[in-house]
Amino acid sequence: MPHIKKKRVSIRIDMTPLVDVAFLLLTFFMLTTTFKPPEDVEVVIPTSHSEIKLPESNTMVVYVDKAGGIFMGFDSQTMMDRMFGAAYKYKQASPVKKEVLGETLMKARISNPKLRTIIKADAATEYGTIQDIMDILDQVKITRFNMVTNFEIEKKS
């Protein structure tokens, strides 16, 4: 008895939903992405050979621009609001005079004892300004702080 072969049915996968999902995801990421805002203080940091990583949370950053201006910022918006007011809540840093830097550092440490201090100074800043800031840190008993530098690997010739 001969067997009757059935015709082979081809399988067809509809790719339309996959393309729809891909474009929806693309649109979502394009519309929700926030770009890096312009920096309040432009600092060109010097290079060094240190590999120490900076802390990522609970940080208090003291910026020094090339003219010797001192700015202070926190990684938390609530700390910025608490220390400098609502006008600076979404800013990177607030200008601080050298005369009140010690008081501001003390208030910040009282507000959050876990804060770690970071100094981010421009490469063209005079050393005397940095020394003054380190003296102020010593006066308010902040003996552990980090200085931000670009890591440079020595090239062997």
Protein backbone atom coordinates (compact mmCIF):
# COMPACT_ATOMS: atom_id res chain seq x y z
CA MET A 1 0.00 0.00 0.00
CA PRO A 2 1.52 3.31 -1.06
CA HIS A 3 1.84 6.09 1.50
CA ILE A 4 0.58 9.46 0.43
CA LYS A 5 3.04 12.16 1.30
CA LYS A 6 1.63 15.34 2.76
CA LYS A 7 2.92 18.62 1.46
CA ARG A 8 5.42 20.24 3.77
CA VAL A 9 4.07 23.39 5.36
CA SER A 10 6.64 26.17 5.72
CA ILE A 11 6.89 27.94 9.05
CA ARG A 12 6.72 31.72 8.94
CA ILE A 13 7.67 33.84 11.95
CA ASP A 14 6.21 37.33 12.07
CA MET A 15 9.01 39.77 13.00
CA THR A 16 6.76 42.84 13.35
CA PRO A 17 6.36 42.63 17.17
CA LEU A 18 10.12 42.28 17.62
CA VAL A 19 10.77 45.40 15.56
CA ASP A 20 8.05 47.26 17.50
CA VAL A 21 9.63 46.36 20.84
CA ALA A 22 13.09 47.35 19.60
CA PHE A 23 11.89 50.78 18.51
CA LEU A 24 9.93 51.27 21.74
CA LEU A 25 13.05 50.52 23.78
CA LEU A 26 15.15 52.82 21.61
CA THR A 27 12.61 55.63 22.00
CA PHE A 28 12.36 55.06 25.76
CA PHE A 29 16.13 55.31 26.27
CA MET A 30 16.44 58.34 24.02
CA LEU A 31 13.72 60.23 25.89
CA THR A 32 14.77 59.30 29.43
CA THR A 33 18.52 59.82 29.08
CA THR A 34 19.85 62.80 31.00
CA PHE A 35 23.02 64.29 29.67
CA LYS A 36 25.81 65.48 31.91
CA PRO A 37 25.10 69.10 32.85
CA PRO A 38 27.88 71.65 32.39
CA GLU A 39 30.21 71.76 35.36
CA ASP A 40 29.97 74.71 37.75
CA VAL A 41 33.71 74.60 38.36
CA GLU A 42 36.09 73.58 35.60
CA VAL A 43 39.12 71.86 37.02
CA VAL A 44 41.97 70.32 35.01
CA ILE A 45 43.40 67.78 37.44
CA PRO A 46 47.10 66.93 37.59
CA THR A 47 48.55 63.48 36.83
CA SER A 48 50.06 61.06 39.33
CA HIS A 49 51.07 57.42 39.72
CA SER A 50 48.65 56.61 42.55
CA GLU A 51 46.07 53.86 42.01
CA ILE A 52 43.91 54.60 45.07
CA LYS A 53 40.21 54.61 44.21
CA LEU A 54 38.01 57.46 45.40
CA PRO A 55 34.94 56.76 47.53
CA GLU A 56 31.67 56.87 45.60
CA SER A 57 29.18 57.81 48.32
CA ASN A 58 29.13 60.13 51.32
CA THR A 59 31.66 62.46 49.74
CA MET A 60 32.39 66.12 50.37
CA VAL A 61 34.44 67.66 47.55
CA VAL A 62 36.48 70.84 47.89
CA TYR A 63 37.15 72.26 44.41
CA VAL A 64 39.93 74.77 43.73
CA ASP A 65 39.98 76.47 40.33
CA LYS A 66 43.10 77.87 38.68
CA ALA A 67 42.40 81.38 39.99
CA GLY A 68 42.41 80.04 43.57
CA GLY A 69 38.64 80.17 44.08
CA ILE A 70 37.30 77.62 46.53
CA PHE A 71 34.06 75.74 45.94
CA MET A 72 32.42 73.01 47.98
CA GLY A 73 30.03 70.30 46.90
CA PHE A 74 28.45 67.04 48.07
CA ASP A 75 27.34 63.88 46.29
CA SER A 76 23.90 64.22 47.88
CA GLN A 77 21.32 66.80 46.80
CA THR A 78 19.85 66.86 50.30
CA MET A 79 23.24 67.80 51.74
CA MET A 80 23.62 70.57 49.17
CA ASP A 81 20.16 71.86 50.12
CA ARG A 82 20.88 71.59 53.86
CA MET A 83 24.26 73.33 53.64
CA PHE A 84 23.78 76.00 50.97
CA GLY A 85 20.02 76.35 50.48
CA ALA A 86 17.50 75.36 47.83
CA ALA A 87 19.23 77.44 45.13
CA TYR A 88 22.22 75.06 45.21
CA LYS A 89 20.30 71.79 45.57
CA TYR A 90 20.89 70.69 41.97
CA LYS A 91 24.29 72.34 41.52
CA GLN A 92 27.65 70.62 41.61
CA ALA A 93 29.28 73.07 44.02
CA SER A 94 28.85 76.34 45.85
CA PRO A 95 31.48 79.07 46.24
CA VAL A 96 32.95 79.23 49.74
CA LYS A 97 35.28 81.87 51.16
CA LYS A 98 38.49 80.66 52.72
CA GLU A 99 37.58 82.39 56.01
CA VAL A 100 34.38 80.34 56.46
CA LEU A 101 35.63 77.06 54.94
CA GLY A 102 36.48 75.61 58.36
CA GLU A 103 33.03 76.37 59.77
CA THR A 104 31.35 74.92 56.68
CA LEU A 105 33.44 71.75 56.92
CA MET A 106 32.53 71.37 60.60
CA LYS A 107 28.80 71.85 59.93
CA ALA A 108 28.95 69.28 57.14
CA ARG A 109 30.73 66.73 59.34
CA ILE A 110 28.22 67.30 62.16
CA SER A 111 25.38 66.86 59.69
CA ASN A 112 26.85 63.62 58.29
CA PRO A 113 29.75 62.06 60.25
CA LYS A 114 30.35 59.49 57.49
CA LEU A 115 31.46 62.15 54.99
CA ARG A 116 34.80 61.59 53.30
CA THR A 117 36.71 64.64 52.14
CA ILE A 118 38.10 64.96 48.62
CA ILE A 119 40.20 67.83 47.27
CA LYS A 120 39.93 68.40 43.54
CA ALA A 121 42.32 71.16 42.52
CA ASP A 122 43.34 72.48 39.13
CA ALA A 123 46.85 71.61 37.97
CA ALA A 124 47.65 75.32 37.53
CA THR A 125 46.62 76.27 41.09
CA GLU A 126 49.37 77.67 43.29
CA TYR A 127 50.58 75.31 45.97
CA GLY A 128 50.02 77.92 48.70
CA THR A 129 46.26 77.77 48.18
CA ILE A 130 46.26 73.98 48.51
CA GLN A 131 48.47 74.24 51.61
CA ASP A 132 46.00 76.71 53.17
CA ILE A 133 43.12 74.30 52.54
CA MET A 134 45.08 71.39 54.04
CA ASP A 135 45.85 73.57 57.11
CA ILE A 136 42.13 74.34 57.49
CA LEU A 137 41.35 70.61 57.21
CA ASP A 138 43.91 69.95 59.95
CA GLN A 139 42.41 72.66 62.18
CA VAL A 140 38.94 71.07 61.98
CA LYS A 141 40.44 67.62 62.67
CA ILE A 142 39.91 66.18 59.19
CA THR A 143 43.18 64.30 58.86
CA ARG A 144 42.13 61.81 56.17
CA PHE A 145 41.32 63.18 52.74
CA ASN A 146 41.92 62.25 49.11
CA MET A 147 43.33 64.39 46.33
CA VAL A 148 41.96 63.79 42.84
CA THR A 149 44.53 63.15 40.10
CA ASN A 150 44.62 61.51 36.69
CA PHE A 151 46.34 58.15 36.75
CA GLU A 152 49.37 58.10 34.47
CA ILE A 153 51.17 54.87 33.59
CA GLU A 154 54.90 55.18 33.11
CA LYS A 155 55.92 54.26 29.59
CA LYS A 156 58.95 52.00 29.40
CA SER A 157 61.28 52.97 26.61
